[in-house]
């Protein structure tokens, strides 16, 4: 499984960067370094997530990659599909 280091800007609702890693320890080391770089900014979120591929990550963690409107549209469609 790959590890992906994401730097996400909460206020702007967008991913600033994505880096792929094969080694978990290296990913975490870099995460802590990036967190130190952005320590004073409450709008920056730094995470390491695991997935087989970037496409899988985009599907399982869509909140990082889709706009609020896209997420809402998807949620409404799922509710309608289920008959809610």
Protein backbone atom coordinates (compact mmCIF):
# COMPACT_ATOMS: atom_id res chain seq x y z
CA UNK A 1 0.00 0.00 0.00
CA UNK A 2 1.19 3.50 -0.83
CA UNK A 3 1.21 6.40 1.57
CA UNK A 4 0.23 9.87 0.42
CA UNK A 5 1.24 13.07 2.15
CA UNK A 6 -1.41 15.72 1.57
CA UNK A 7 -1.16 19.38 2.41
CA UNK A 8 -4.68 20.80 2.45
CA UNK A 9 -5.79 24.41 2.78
CA UNK A 10 -9.04 24.34 4.76
CA UNK A 11 -10.20 27.89 4.03
CA UNK A 12 -9.63 27.53 0.28
CA UNK A 13 -10.90 23.94 0.24
CA UNK A 14 -8.09 22.63 -1.93
CA UNK A 15 -5.09 20.34 -1.85
CA UNK A 16 -1.85 22.31 -2.05
CA UNK A 17 0.35 19.28 -2.63
CA UNK A 18 0.34 15.48 -2.77
CA UNK A 19 3.43 13.28 -2.47
CA UNK A 20 3.46 9.50 -2.74
CA UNK A 21 5.65 7.27 -0.57
CA UNK A 22 6.27 3.55 -0.42
CA UNK A 23 7.80 3.78 3.05
CA UNK A 24 5.53 4.71 6.01
CA UNK A 25 8.38 6.01 8.14
CA UNK A 26 9.59 8.34 5.40
CA UNK A 27 6.05 9.64 4.88
CA UNK A 28 5.64 10.39 8.59
CA UNK A 29 9.06 12.02 8.80
CA UNK A 30 8.15 14.35 5.95
CA UNK A 31 4.71 14.98 7.46
CA UNK A 32 6.28 16.27 10.68
CA UNK A 33 8.66 18.48 8.70
CA UNK A 34 5.77 19.96 6.69
CA UNK A 35 3.74 20.49 9.87
CA UNK A 36 6.65 22.48 11.31
CA UNK A 37 6.74 24.62 8.14
CA UNK A 38 3.05 25.51 8.57
CA UNK A 39 2.94 25.56 12.38
CA UNK A 40 1.47 29.07 12.61
CA UNK A 41 -1.26 28.61 10.01
CA UNK A 42 -4.53 27.15 11.38
CA UNK A 43 -5.88 26.77 7.83
CA UNK A 44 -3.30 24.15 6.81
CA UNK A 45 -3.99 20.48 7.43
CA UNK A 46 -1.20 17.95 6.89
CA UNK A 47 -2.12 14.25 6.71
CA UNK A 48 -0.64 10.94 5.63
CA UNK A 49 -3.19 8.55 4.17
CA UNK A 50 -2.86 5.03 2.84
CA UNK A 51 -4.33 3.75 -0.42
CA UNK A 52 -3.46 1.42 -3.27
CA UNK A 53 -3.51 4.29 -5.75
CA UNK A 54 -4.12 8.01 -5.96
CA UNK A 55 -7.41 7.23 -7.71
CA UNK A 56 -8.49 5.11 -4.72
CA UNK A 57 -7.47 7.92 -2.38
CA UNK A 58 -9.53 10.42 -4.37
CA UNK A 59 -12.55 8.11 -4.02
CA UNK A 60 -12.17 7.22 -0.32
CA UNK A 61 -11.15 10.70 0.84
CA UNK A 62 -13.15 12.84 -1.56
CA UNK A 63 -13.45 15.75 0.88
CA UNK A 64 -9.86 16.66 0.09
CA UNK A 65 -10.34 16.59 -3.68
CA UNK A 66 -13.90 17.77 -4.38
CA UNK A 67 -15.59 21.10 -3.86
CA UNK A 68 -18.35 21.52 -1.30
CA UNK A 69 -20.86 21.70 -4.15
CA UNK A 70 -19.60 18.41 -5.61
CA UNK A 71 -19.78 16.71 -2.21
CA UNK A 72 -23.32 18.03 -1.62
CA UNK A 73 -24.49 16.92 -5.06
CA UNK A 74 -23.10 13.44 -4.44
CA UNK A 75 -24.76 13.24 -1.02
CA UNK A 76 -28.13 14.31 -2.44
CA UNK A 77 -27.85 11.77 -5.26
CA UNK A 78 -27.07 8.98 -2.75
CA UNK A 79 -30.07 9.96 -0.62
CA UNK A 80 -32.36 9.97 -3.65
CA UNK A 81 -30.97 6.61 -4.79
CA UNK A 82 -31.76 5.14 -1.35
CA UNK A 83 -35.21 6.71 -1.33
CA UNK A 84 -34.57 9.07 1.58
